Amino acid sequence: MANSSKGLSFGWLSPVIGNQWSSYKPIVQHQCEHILPAVAEHFDSLWIADHFYGFDQKSDPFLEAWTTLTWCAAKFPNIDLCHHVLGVGYRPPALTAKMASTLQFLSGNRFILGIGAGWREAEYLSYGYDFPKPSVRFRQLEEAIKVCRLMWTEENPCFAGEFFHIEGADAPPLPDVVPPICIGTSGEQIGIPLAARHADIWNTVWRGDLDSLIRKRDIMLHELEGSGRAREDVQFSLTIERALPQSPDEIDDFGTLLTDLIGIGIEHFVLDFGNPESADETVQFITQVMSPLRS
């Protein structure tokens, strides 16, 4: 990652939804005003989910991901920026590449392109987007990544694929630092092998099953070797959705979990704490969990 390519690192996932538990105000707005100013310096990256509407009621406020991440980039100038994760079918790849090069320039090279094959069929269809079968979506993802890297590194880039093509789709100014690509996937047959071929960061989600995660890790290691890439070429990232611990036992339990996950090779944690009321809970987590792990 731009600021933390070596060693253990932590990301903060800020929810863009507003629901009954946040008085229908987008949680990210509260966090950017009342929590992140006090704690952002202790985190390596800031993540925003890419969906168009929420999961309780479609009428609940739900902010668009690119706009929100750009707003966050201006508020917090010393933290990396990533989406969790862009659905490849939501935007044409050339537009994604152009938006990425722009945010990379404006943020001072802090942008990471987080992208995946997409999964939320109802959302795709409600917005008038095609939702092909998984094998097609992953082939689209692979082409989209190729388009982005061409547009970030070449003048007059051209590409002709099965799904996408560009003819001189310049994206000036070309980034001084090519954005790392984080591929979010848990799929053992198609997704993880694709990440092994193309990702700088592989992100998956903690489901509470250590054996399952170890199996996915081993598939990634095998696929990396088969692709001729080194283990160090890809950062292993894990998203954990879990409330901040309150009691000493909860703090110990969270620390033990992260220690176990580090032991199997996880290097970066994307933490979704939901809707904490104040920065004090986070400061306690930083002091009692994150800092000891970093040291």
C-alpha atoms as a PDB file:
ATOM      1  CA  MET A   1       0.000   0.000   0.000  1.00  0.00           C
ATOM      2  CA  ALA A   2       1.103   3.542  -0.602  1.00  0.00           C
ATOM      3  CA  ASN A   3       1.973   4.275   3.007  1.00  0.00           C
ATOM      4  CA  SER A   4       2.395   0.783   4.436  1.00  0.00           C
ATOM      5  CA  SER A   5       3.789  -1.729   1.973  1.00  0.00           C
ATOM      6  CA  LYS A   6       5.766  -3.506   4.708  1.00  0.00           C
ATOM      7  CA  GLY A   7       4.635  -5.006   7.981  1.00  0.00           C
ATOM      8  CA  LEU A   8       1.283  -5.154   9.722  1.00  0.00           C
ATOM      9  CA  SER A   9      -1.283  -2.552   8.706  1.00  0.00           C
ATOM     10  CA  PHE A  10      -4.850  -1.605   9.580  1.00  0.00           C
ATOM     11  CA  GLY A  11      -7.652  -0.096   7.513  1.00  0.00           C
ATOM     12  CA  TRP A  12     -10.812   1.640   8.702  1.00  0.00           C
ATOM     13  CA  LEU A  13     -14.017   0.834   6.796  1.00  0.00           C
ATOM     14  CA  SER A  14     -16.509   3.662   7.227  1.00  0.00           C
ATOM     15  CA  PRO A  15     -20.158   2.732   6.492  1.00  0.00           C
ATOM     16  CA  VAL A  16     -21.933   4.987   4.003  1.00  0.00           C
ATOM     17  CA  ILE A  17     -25.380   3.840   5.080  1.00  0.00           C
ATOM     18  CA  GLY A  18     -27.777   5.721   7.294  1.00  0.00           C
ATOM     19  CA  ASN A  19     -30.329   3.588   9.116  1.00  0.00           C
ATOM     20  CA  GLN A  20     -32.466   3.433  12.234  1.00  0.00           C
ATOM     21  CA  TRP A  21     -29.378   2.965  14.425  1.00  0.00           C
ATOM     22  CA  SER A  22     -27.793   6.165  13.109  1.00  0.00           C
ATOM     23  CA  SER A  23     -30.966   8.289  13.029  1.00  0.00           C
ATOM     24  CA  TYR A  24     -30.932   7.802   9.247  1.00  0.00           C
ATOM     25  CA  LYS A  25     -27.775   9.878   8.844  1.00  0.00           C
ATOM     26  CA  PRO A  26     -24.891   8.333   6.862  1.00  0.00           C
ATOM     27  CA  ILE A  27     -22.507   6.834   9.405  1.00  0.00           C
ATOM     28  CA  VAL A  28     -19.456   8.010   7.451  1.00  0.00           C
ATOM     29  CA  GLN A  29     -20.549  11.615   7.995  1.00  0.00           C
ATOM     30  CA  HIS A  30     -20.596  11.167  11.772  1.00  0.00           C
ATOM     31  CA  GLN A  31     -17.278   9.323  11.744  1.00  0.00           C
ATOM     32  CA  CYS A  32     -15.548  11.944   9.613  1.00  0.00           C
ATOM     33  CA  GLU A  33     -16.726  14.695  11.959  1.00  0.00           C
ATOM     34  CA  HIS A  34     -16.435  13.072  15.383  1.00  0.00           C
ATOM     35  CA  ILE A  35     -14.218   9.964  15.281  1.00  0.00           C
ATOM     36  CA  LEU A  36     -11.697   9.889  12.455  1.00  0.00           C
ATOM     37  CA  PRO A  37     -10.134  13.297  13.233  1.00  0.00           C
ATOM     38  CA  ALA A  38      -8.950  11.778  16.528  1.00  0.00           C
ATOM     39  CA  VAL A  39      -7.887   8.331  15.292  1.00  0.00           C
ATOM     40  CA  ALA A  40      -7.159   8.381  11.546  1.00  0.00           C
ATOM     41  CA  GLU A  41      -3.435   8.892  12.135  1.00  0.00           C
ATOM     42  CA  HIS A  42      -3.282   5.419  13.686  1.00  0.00           C
ATOM     43  CA  PHE A  43      -4.759   3.707  10.606  1.00  0.00           C
ATOM     44  CA  ASP A  44      -3.036   3.042   7.301  1.00  0.00           C
ATOM     45  CA  SER A  45      -6.041   3.143   4.982  1.00  0.00           C
ATOM     46  CA  LEU A  46      -9.652   4.307   4.743  1.00  0.00           C
ATOM     47  CA  TRP A  47     -12.217   2.153   2.905  1.00  0.00           C
ATOM     48  CA  ILE A  48     -15.652   2.919   1.462  1.00  0.00           C
ATOM     49  CA  ALA A  49     -18.072   0.231   0.223  1.00  0.00           C
ATOM     50  CA  ASP A  50     -19.423   0.362  -3.332  1.00  0.00           C
ATOM     51  CA  HIS A  51     -23.177  -0.153  -3.426  1.00  0.00           C
ATOM     52  CA  PHE A  52     -26.047   2.065  -4.502  1.00  0.00           C
ATOM     53  CA  TYR A  53     -28.601   1.391  -1.794  1.00  0.00           C
ATOM     54  CA  GLY A  54     -28.720  -0.287   1.589  1.00  0.00           C
ATOM     55  CA  PHE A  55     -29.681  -3.675   2.942  1.00  0.00           C
ATOM     56  CA  ASP A  56     -32.533  -2.845   5.320  1.00  0.00           C
ATOM     57  CA  GLN A  57     -34.732  -0.418   3.404  1.00  0.00           C
ATOM     58  CA  LYS A  58     -33.941   0.830  -0.096  1.00  0.00           C
ATOM     59  CA  SER A  59     -35.044   4.280   1.046  1.00  0.00           C
ATOM     60  CA  ASP A  60     -32.336   4.451   3.732  1.00  0.00           C
ATOM     61  CA  PRO A  61     -29.623   6.996   2.858  1.00  0.00           C
ATOM     62  CA  PHE A  62     -26.683   5.333   1.127  1.00  0.00           C
ATOM     63  CA  LEU A  63     -23.849   7.399  -0.361  1.00  0.00           C
ATOM     64  CA  GLU A  64     -22.090   6.720  -3.668  1.00  0.00           C
ATOM     65  CA  ALA A  65     -18.605   5.309  -3.200  1.00  0.00           C
ATOM     66  CA  TRP A  66     -16.373   7.383  -5.502  1.00  0.00           C
ATOM     67  CA  THR A  67     -17.848  10.690  -4.394  1.00  0.00           C
ATOM     68  CA  THR A  68     -17.595   9.752  -0.729  1.00  0.00           C
ATOM     69  CA  LEU A  69     -14.013   8.487  -0.944  1.00  0.00           C
ATOM     70  CA  THR A  70     -12.953  11.682  -2.730  1.00  0.00           C
ATOM     71  CA  TRP A  71     -14.606  13.724   0.040  1.00  0.00           C
ATOM     72  CA  CYS A  72     -12.705  11.650   2.626  1.00  0.00           C
ATOM     73  CA  ALA A  73      -9.448  12.101   0.711  1.00  0.00           C
ATOM     74  CA  ALA A  74      -9.695  15.861   1.138  1.00  0.00           C
ATOM     75  CA  LYS A  75     -10.486  15.595   4.841  1.00  0.00           C
ATOM     76  CA  PHE A  76      -7.697  13.151   5.731  1.00  0.00           C
ATOM     77  CA  PRO A  77      -4.528  13.878   3.730  1.00  0.00           C
ATOM     78  CA  ASN A  78      -2.262  11.246   5.295  1.00  0.00           C
ATOM     79  CA  ILE A  79      -4.118   7.991   4.803  1.00  0.00           C
ATOM     80  CA  ASP A  80      -4.428   5.601   1.873  1.00  0.00           C
ATOM     81  CA  LEU A  81      -7.786   5.325   0.111  1.00  0.00           C
ATOM     82  CA  CYS A  82      -9.575   2.252  -1.208  1.00  0.00           C
ATOM     83  CA  HIS A  83     -13.034   1.032  -2.170  1.00  0.00           C
ATOM     84  CA  HIS A  84     -14.439  -2.127  -0.648  1.00  0.00           C
ATOM     85  CA  VAL A  85     -14.722  -3.081  -3.470  1.00  0.00           C
ATOM     86  CA  LEU A  86     -15.878  -1.601  -6.769  1.00  0.00           C
ATOM     87  CA  GLY A  87     -18.260  -3.807  -8.725  1.00  0.00           C
ATOM     88  CA  VAL A  88     -16.702  -4.229 -12.140  1.00  0.00           C
ATOM     89  CA  GLY A  89     -20.086  -4.024 -13.858  1.00  0.00           C
ATOM     90  CA  TYR A  90     -21.092  -0.700 -12.324  1.00  0.00           C
ATOM     91  CA  ARG A  91     -18.813   1.507 -14.457  1.00  0.00           C
ATOM     92  CA  PRO A  92     -17.049   1.062 -17.798  1.00  0.00           C
ATOM     93  CA  PRO A  93     -13.399   0.127 -17.163  1.00  0.00           C
ATOM     94  CA  ALA A  94     -12.031   3.109 -19.101  1.00  0.00           C
ATOM     95  CA  LEU A  95     -14.084   5.466 -16.922  1.00  0.00           C
ATOM     96  CA  THR A  96     -12.881   3.656 -13.794  1.00  0.00           C
ATOM     97  CA  ALA A  97      -9.281   4.036 -14.957  1.00  0.00           C
ATOM     98  CA  LYS A  98      -9.750   7.754 -15.644  1.00  0.00           C
ATOM     99  CA  MET A  99     -11.411   8.372 -12.291  1.00  0.00           C
ATOM    100  CA  ALA A 100      -8.621   6.444 -10.576  1.00  0.00           C
ATOM    101  CA  SER A 101      -5.845   8.415 -12.265  1.00  0.00           C
ATOM    102  CA  THR A 102      -7.587  11.639 -11.264  1.00  0.00           C
ATOM    103  CA  LEU A 103      -7.953  10.654  -7.617  1.00  0.00           C
ATOM    104  CA  GLN A 104      -4.379   9.366  -7.580  1.00  0.00           C
ATOM    105  CA  PHE A 105      -3.214  12.789  -8.747  1.00  0.00           C
ATOM    106  CA  LEU A 106      -5.426  14.787  -6.385  1.00  0.00           C
ATOM    107  CA  SER A 107      -4.632  12.605  -3.354  1.00  0.00           C
ATOM    108  CA  GLY A 108      -0.870  12.660  -3.810  1.00  0.00           C
ATOM    109  CA  ASN A 109      -0.566   8.980  -4.784  1.00  0.00           C
ATOM    110  CA  ARG A 110      -2.668   7.554  -1.962  1.00  0.00           C
ATOM    111  CA  PHE A 111      -5.261   5.699  -4.045  1.00  0.00           C
ATOM    112  CA  ILE A 112      -5.646   1.914  -4.219  1.00  0.00           C
ATOM    113  CA  LEU A 113      -8.037   0.456  -6.781  1.00  0.00           C
ATOM    114  CA  GLY A 114     -10.200  -2.014  -4.862  1.00  0.00           C
ATOM    115  CA  ILE A 115     -12.299  -3.987  -7.334  1.00  0.00           C
ATOM    116  CA  GLY A 116     -14.167  -7.261  -7.657  1.00  0.00           C
ATOM    117  CA  ALA A 117     -16.531  -9.179  -9.908  1.00  0.00           C
ATOM    118  CA  GLY A 118     -19.687  -7.910  -8.181  1.00  0.00           C
ATOM    119  CA  TRP A 119     -22.302 -10.092  -6.530  1.00  0.00           C
ATOM    120  CA  ARG A 120     -25.493  -8.161  -5.796  1.00  0.00           C
ATOM    121  CA  GLU A 121     -27.746  -9.171  -8.681  1.00  0.00           C
ATOM    122  CA  ALA A 122     -30.802  -7.179  -7.605  1.00  0.00           C
ATOM    123  CA  GLU A 123     -28.769  -3.985  -7.505  1.00  0.00           C
ATOM    124  CA  TYR A 124     -27.310  -4.586 -10.960  1.00  0.00           C
ATOM    125  CA  LEU A 125     -30.713  -5.247 -12.475  1.00  0.00           C
ATOM    126  CA  SER A 126     -32.444  -2.334 -10.739  1.00  0.00           C
ATOM    127  CA  TYR A 127     -29.911   0.032 -12.291  1.00  0.00           C
ATOM    128  CA  GLY A 128     -30.278  -1.519 -15.723  1.00  0.00           C
ATOM    129  CA  TYR A 129     -26.922  -3.315 -15.751  1.00  0.00           C
ATOM    130  CA  ASP A 130     -26.385  -6.810 -17.076  1.00  0.00           C
ATOM    131  CA  PHE A 131     -25.553  -9.437 -14.477  1.00  0.00           C
ATOM    132  CA  PRO A 132     -23.920 -12.378 -16.262  1.00  0.00           C
ATOM    133  CA  LYS A 133     -22.848 -15.616 -14.621  1.00  0.00           C
ATOM    134  CA  PRO A 134     -19.770 -15.581 -12.328  1.00  0.00           C
ATOM    135  CA  SER A 135     -17.314 -16.936 -14.894  1.00  0.00           C
ATOM    136  CA  VAL A 136     -18.221 -14.078 -17.236  1.00  0.00           C
ATOM    137  CA  ARG A 137     -18.009 -11.438 -14.519  1.00  0.00           C
ATOM    138  CA  PHE A 138     -14.526 -12.627 -13.571  1.00  0.00           C
ATOM    139  CA  ARG A 139     -13.379 -12.519 -17.198  1.00  0.00           C
ATOM    140  CA  GLN A 140     -14.734  -8.987 -17.340  1.00  0.00           C
ATOM    141  CA  LEU A 141     -12.808  -8.177 -14.170  1.00  0.00           C
ATOM    142  CA  GLU A 142      -9.579  -9.491 -15.655  1.00  0.00           C
ATOM    143  CA  GLU A 143     -10.044  -7.363 -18.765  1.00  0.00           C
ATOM    144  CA  ALA A 144     -10.931  -4.299 -16.684  1.00  0.00           C
ATOM    145  CA  ILE A 145      -7.694  -4.621 -14.734  1.00  0.00           C
ATOM    146  CA  LYS A 146      -5.717  -4.833 -17.962  1.00  0.00           C
ATOM    147  CA  VAL A 147      -7.475  -1.735 -19.309  1.00  0.00           C
ATOM    148  CA  CYS A 148      -6.719   0.211 -16.136  1.00  0.00           C
ATOM    149  CA  ARG A 149      -3.038  -0.649 -16.089  1.00  0.00           C
ATOM    150  CA  LEU A 150      -2.659   0.241 -19.766  1.00  0.00           C
ATOM    151  CA  MET A 151      -4.360   3.581 -19.280  1.00  0.00           C
ATOM    152  CA  TRP A 152      -2.204   4.375 -16.235  1.00  0.00           C
ATOM    153  CA  THR A 153       1.093   3.609 -17.971  1.00  0.00           C
ATOM    154  CA  GLU A 154       0.774   4.311 -21.706  1.00  0.00           C
ATOM    155  CA  GLU A 155      -0.034   7.176 -23.975  1.00  0.00           C
ATOM    156  CA  ASN A 156      -2.590   6.336 -26.658  1.00  0.00           C
ATOM    157  CA  PRO A 157      -3.442   2.969 -25.041  1.00  0.00           C
ATOM    158  CA  CYS A 158      -5.389   0.417 -27.049  1.00  0.00           C
ATOM    159  CA  PHE A 159      -7.013  -2.832 -25.985  1.00  0.00           C
ATOM    160  CA  ALA A 160      -9.378  -5.248 -27.721  1.00  0.00           C
ATOM    161  CA  GLY A 161     -10.871  -7.920 -25.497  1.00  0.00           C
ATOM    162  CA  GLU A 162     -13.868 -10.192 -25.321  1.00  0.00           C
ATOM    163  CA  PHE A 163     -15.926  -7.576 -23.471  1.00  0.00           C
ATOM    164  CA  PHE A 164     -14.128  -4.237 -23.557  1.00  0.00           C
ATOM    165  CA  HIS A 165     -12.076  -2.251 -26.013  1.00  0.00           C
ATOM    166  CA  ILE A 166     -10.355   1.116 -26.030  1.00  0.00           C
ATOM    167  CA  GLU A 167      -8.764   3.069 -28.875  1.00  0.00           C
ATOM    168  CA  GLY A 168      -6.412   5.750 -27.599  1.00  0.00           C
ATOM    169  CA  ALA A 169      -8.196   6.162 -24.256  1.00  0.00           C
ATOM    170  CA  ASP A 170      -5.635   8.504 -22.729  1.00  0.00           C
ATOM    171  CA  ALA A 171      -5.944   9.278 -19.011  1.00  0.00           C
ATOM    172  CA  PRO A 172      -3.652  12.273 -18.399  1.00  0.00           C
ATOM    173  CA  PRO A 173      -1.927  12.999 -16.206  1.00  0.00           C
ATOM    174  CA  LEU A 174      -0.450   9.513 -16.039  1.00  0.00           C
ATOM    175  CA  PRO A 175       0.059   8.602 -12.372  1.00  0.00           C
ATOM    176  CA  ASP A 176       3.521   9.123 -10.927  1.00  0.00           C
ATOM    177  CA  VAL A 177       2.748   6.017  -8.864  1.00  0.00           C
ATOM    178  CA  VAL A 178       0.611   3.371 -10.551  1.00  0.00           C
ATOM    179  CA  PRO A 179      -2.259   2.605  -8.140  1.00  0.00           C
ATOM    180  CA  PRO A 180      -1.957  -0.788  -6.454  1.00  0.00           C
ATOM    181  CA  ILE A 181      -4.836  -3.103  -7.293  1.00  0.00           C
ATOM    182  CA  CYS A 182      -6.726  -4.826  -4.505  1.00  0.00           C
ATOM    183  CA  ILE A 183      -8.922  -7.676  -5.715  1.00  0.00           C
ATOM    184  CA  GLY A 184     -11.686  -8.641  -3.331  1.00  0.00           C
ATOM    185  CA  THR A 185     -12.677 -12.278  -3.699  1.00  0.00           C
ATOM    186  CA  SER A 186     -13.289 -15.464  -1.748  1.00  0.00           C
ATOM    187  CA  GLY A 187     -13.931 -17.726  -4.734  1.00  0.00           C
ATOM    188  CA  GLU A 188     -11.645 -20.730  -4.705  1.00  0.00           C
ATOM    189  CA  GLN A 189     -12.149 -21.834  -8.306  1.00  0.00           C
ATOM    190  CA  ILE A 190     -11.910 -18.556 -10.247  1.00  0.00           C
ATOM    191  CA  GLY A 191     -11.528 -15.538  -7.976  1.00  0.00           C
ATOM    192  CA  ILE A 192      -8.473 -16.439  -5.925  1.00  0.00           C
ATOM    193  CA  PRO A 193      -6.539 -17.732  -8.977  1.00  0.00           C
ATOM    194  CA  LEU A 194      -7.313 -14.424 -10.721  1.00  0.00           C
ATOM    195  CA  ALA A 195      -6.087 -12.486  -7.692  1.00  0.00           C
ATOM    196  CA  ALA A 196      -2.903 -14.547  -7.689  1.00  0.00           C
ATOM    197  CA  ARG A 197      -2.257 -13.492 -11.290  1.00  0.00           C
ATOM    198  CA  HIS A 198      -3.119  -9.814 -11.026  1.00  0.00           C
ATOM    199  CA  ALA A 199      -3.520  -8.448  -7.482  1.00  0.00           C
ATOM    200  CA  ASP A 200      -1.123  -6.353  -5.476  1.00  0.00           C
ATOM    201  CA  ILE A 201      -3.470  -6.903  -2.524  1.00  0.00           C
ATOM    202  CA  TRP A 202      -5.866  -9.803  -2.039  1.00  0.00           C
ATOM    203  CA  ASN A 203      -8.812  -9.043   0.241  1.00  0.00           C
ATOM    204  CA  THR A 204     -11.302 -11.526   1.576  1.00  0.00           C
ATOM    205  CA  VAL A 205     -13.847 -11.416   4.385  1.00  0.00           C
ATOM    206  CA  TRP A 206     -13.666 -13.101   7.799  1.00  0.00           C
ATOM    207  CA  ARG A 207     -16.573 -15.510   8.201  1.00  0.00           C
ATOM    208  CA  GLY A 208     -15.508 -16.941  11.546  1.00  0.00           C
ATOM    209  CA  ASP A 209     -14.034 -20.146  10.081  1.00  0.00           C
ATOM    210  CA  LEU A 210     -10.261 -20.378  10.455  1.00  0.00           C
ATOM    211  CA  ASP A 211     -10.007 -23.668   8.570  1.00  0.00           C
ATOM    212  CA  SER A 212     -11.818 -22.184   5.583  1.00  0.00           C
ATOM    213  CA  LEU A 213      -9.519 -19.161   5.567  1.00  0.00           C
ATOM    214  CA  ILE A 214      -6.423 -21.374   5.771  1.00  0.00           C
ATOM    215  CA  ARG A 215      -7.703 -23.351   2.788  1.00  0.00           C
ATOM    216  CA  LYS A 216      -8.171 -20.152   0.788  1.00  0.00           C
ATOM    217  CA  ARG A 217      -4.709 -18.972   1.824  1.00  0.00           C
ATOM    218  CA  ASP A 218      -3.193 -22.248   0.659  1.00  0.00           C
ATOM    219  CA  ILE A 219      -4.976 -21.954  -2.695  1.00  0.00           C
ATOM    220  CA  MET A 220      -3.559 -18.456  -3.067  1.00  0.00           C
ATOM    221  CA  LEU A 221      -0.043 -19.657  -2.246  1.00  0.00           C
ATOM    222  CA  HIS A 222      -0.367 -22.496  -4.761  1.00  0.00           C
ATOM    223  CA  GLU A 223      -1.704 -20.176  -7.464  1.00  0.00           C
ATOM    224  CA  LEU A 224       1.034 -17.623  -6.823  1.00  0.00           C
ATOM    225  CA  GLU A 225       3.661 -20.295  -7.319  1.00  0.00           C
ATOM    226  CA  GLY A 226       1.950 -21.472 -10.493  1.00  0.00           C
ATOM    227  CA  SER A 227       1.863 -17.908 -11.821  1.00  0.00           C
ATOM    228  CA  GLY A 228       5.557 -17.384 -11.173  1.00  0.00           C
ATOM    229  CA  ARG A 229       4.922 -14.739  -8.545  1.00  0.00           C
ATOM    230  CA  ALA A 230       6.520 -14.492  -5.118  1.00  0.00           C
ATOM    231  CA  ARG A 231       4.580 -14.509  -1.874  1.00  0.00           C
ATOM    232  CA  GLU A 232       5.846 -10.975  -1.206  1.00  0.00           C
ATOM    233  CA  ASP A 233       4.210  -9.741  -4.410  1.00  0.00           C
ATOM    234  CA  VAL A 234       0.743  -9.824  -2.831  1.00  0.00           C
ATOM    235  CA  GLN A 235      -0.419  -8.416   0.483  1.00  0.00           C
ATOM    236  CA  PHE A 236      -2.965 -10.637   2.251  1.00  0.00           C
ATOM    237  CA  SER A 237      -5.851  -8.508   3.535  1.00  0.00           C
ATOM    238  CA  LEU A 238      -8.863  -9.535   5.622  1.00  0.00           C
ATOM    239  CA  THR A 239     -12.038  -7.606   6.374  1.00  0.00           C
ATOM    240  CA  ILE A 240     -13.535  -8.080   9.840  1.00  0.00           C
ATOM    241  CA  GLU A 241     -16.988  -6.724  10.647  1.00  0.00           C
ATOM    242  CA  ARG A 242     -17.151  -6.584  14.435  1.00  0.00           C
ATOM    243  CA  ALA A 243     -18.103  -4.024  17.054  1.00  0.00           C
ATOM    244  CA  LEU A 244     -15.372  -2.432  19.111  1.00  0.00           C
ATOM    245  CA  PRO A 245     -14.657  -4.432  22.273  1.00  0.00           C
ATOM    246  CA  GLN A 246     -15.896  -2.961  25.533  1.00  0.00           C
ATOM    247  CA  SER A 247     -14.810  -5.228  28.367  1.00  0.00           C
ATOM    248  CA  PRO A 248     -11.323  -6.587  29.166  1.00  0.00           C
ATOM    249  CA  ASP A 249     -12.463 -10.047  28.060  1.00  0.00           C
ATOM    250  CA  GLU A 250     -13.715  -8.693  24.726  1.00  0.00           C
ATOM    251  CA  ILE A 251     -10.446  -6.816  24.229  1.00  0.00           C
ATOM    252  CA  ASP A 252      -8.431  -9.973  24.923  1.00  0.00           C
ATOM    253  CA  ASP A 253     -10.665 -11.988  22.591  1.00  0.00           C
ATOM    254  CA  PHE A 254     -10.254  -9.508  19.721  1.00  0.00           C
ATOM    255  CA  GLY A 255      -6.501  -9.376  20.229  1.00  0.00           C
ATOM    256  CA  THR A 256      -6.276 -13.168  20.288  1.00  0.00           C
ATOM    257  CA  LEU A 257      -8.264 -13.403  17.054  1.00  0.00           C
ATOM    258  CA  LEU A 258      -5.986 -10.942  15.258  1.00  0.00           C
ATOM    259  CA  THR A 259      -2.901 -12.709  16.613  1.00  0.00           C
ATOM    260  CA  ASP A 260      -4.163 -16.038  15.258  1.00  0.00           C
ATOM    261  CA  LEU A 261      -4.910 -14.485  11.878  1.00  0.00           C
ATOM    262  CA  ILE A 262      -1.480 -12.868  11.699  1.00  0.00           C
ATOM    263  CA  GLY A 263      -0.081 -16.311  12.425  1.00  0.00           C
ATOM    264  CA  ILE A 264      -1.578 -17.710   9.223  1.00  0.00           C
ATOM    265  CA  GLY A 265      -0.255 -14.870   7.099  1.00  0.00           C
ATOM    266  CA  ILE A 266      -2.752 -11.990   7.228  1.00  0.00           C
ATOM    267  CA  GLU A 267      -0.840  -8.709   6.950  1.00  0.00           C
ATOM    268  CA  HIS A 268      -3.593  -6.121   6.666  1.00  0.00           C
ATOM    269  CA  PHE A 269      -6.920  -5.871   8.477  1.00  0.00           C
ATOM    270  CA  VAL A 270      -9.851  -3.849   7.161  1.00  0.00           C
ATOM    271  CA  LEU A 271     -11.943  -3.184  10.254  1.00  0.00           C
ATOM    272  CA  ASP A 272     -15.636  -2.342  10.103  1.00  0.00           C
ATOM    273  CA  PHE A 273     -16.651  -1.354  13.625  1.00  0.00           C
ATOM    274  CA  GLY A 274     -20.178  -0.387  12.609  1.00  0.00           C
ATOM    275  CA  ASN A 275     -21.373   2.757  14.341  1.00  0.00           C
ATOM    276  CA  PRO A 276     -19.308   3.572  17.448  1.00  0.00           C
ATOM    277  CA  GLU A 277     -20.599   6.598  19.318  1.00  0.00           C
ATOM    278  CA  SER A 278     -17.304   8.296  20.109  1.00  0.00           C
ATOM    279  CA  ALA A 279     -13.583   8.158  19.478  1.00  0.00           C
ATOM    280  CA  ASP A 280     -12.903   6.926  23.031  1.00  0.00           C
ATOM    281  CA  GLU A 281     -13.789   3.318  22.208  1.00  0.00           C
ATOM    282  CA  THR A 282     -11.460   3.395  19.213  1.00  0.00           C
ATOM    283  CA  VAL A 283      -8.622   4.945  21.209  1.00  0.00           C
ATOM    284  CA  GLN A 284      -8.926   2.072  23.669  1.00  0.00           C
ATOM    285  CA  PHE A 285      -8.758  -0.447  20.789  1.00  0.00           C
ATOM    286  CA  ILE A 286      -5.711   1.296  19.319  1.00  0.00           C
ATOM    287  CA  THR A 287      -3.934   1.344  22.678  1.00  0.00           C
ATOM    288  CA  GLN A 288      -4.803  -2.124  23.886  1.00  0.00           C
ATOM    289  CA  VAL A 289      -5.018  -4.147  20.654  1.00  0.00           C
ATOM    290  CA  MET A 290      -3.418  -2.471  17.631  1.00  0.00           C
ATOM    291  CA  SER A 291      -0.323  -0.979  19.264  1.00  0.00           C
ATOM    292  CA  PRO A 292       0.780  -4.211  20.998  1.00  0.00           C
ATOM    293  CA  LEU A 293       0.337  -6.115  17.721  1.00  0.00           C
ATOM    294  CA  ARG A 294       2.373  -3.578  15.776  1.00  0.00           C
ATOM    295  CA  SER A 295       5.203  -3.760  18.297  1.00  0.00           C
END
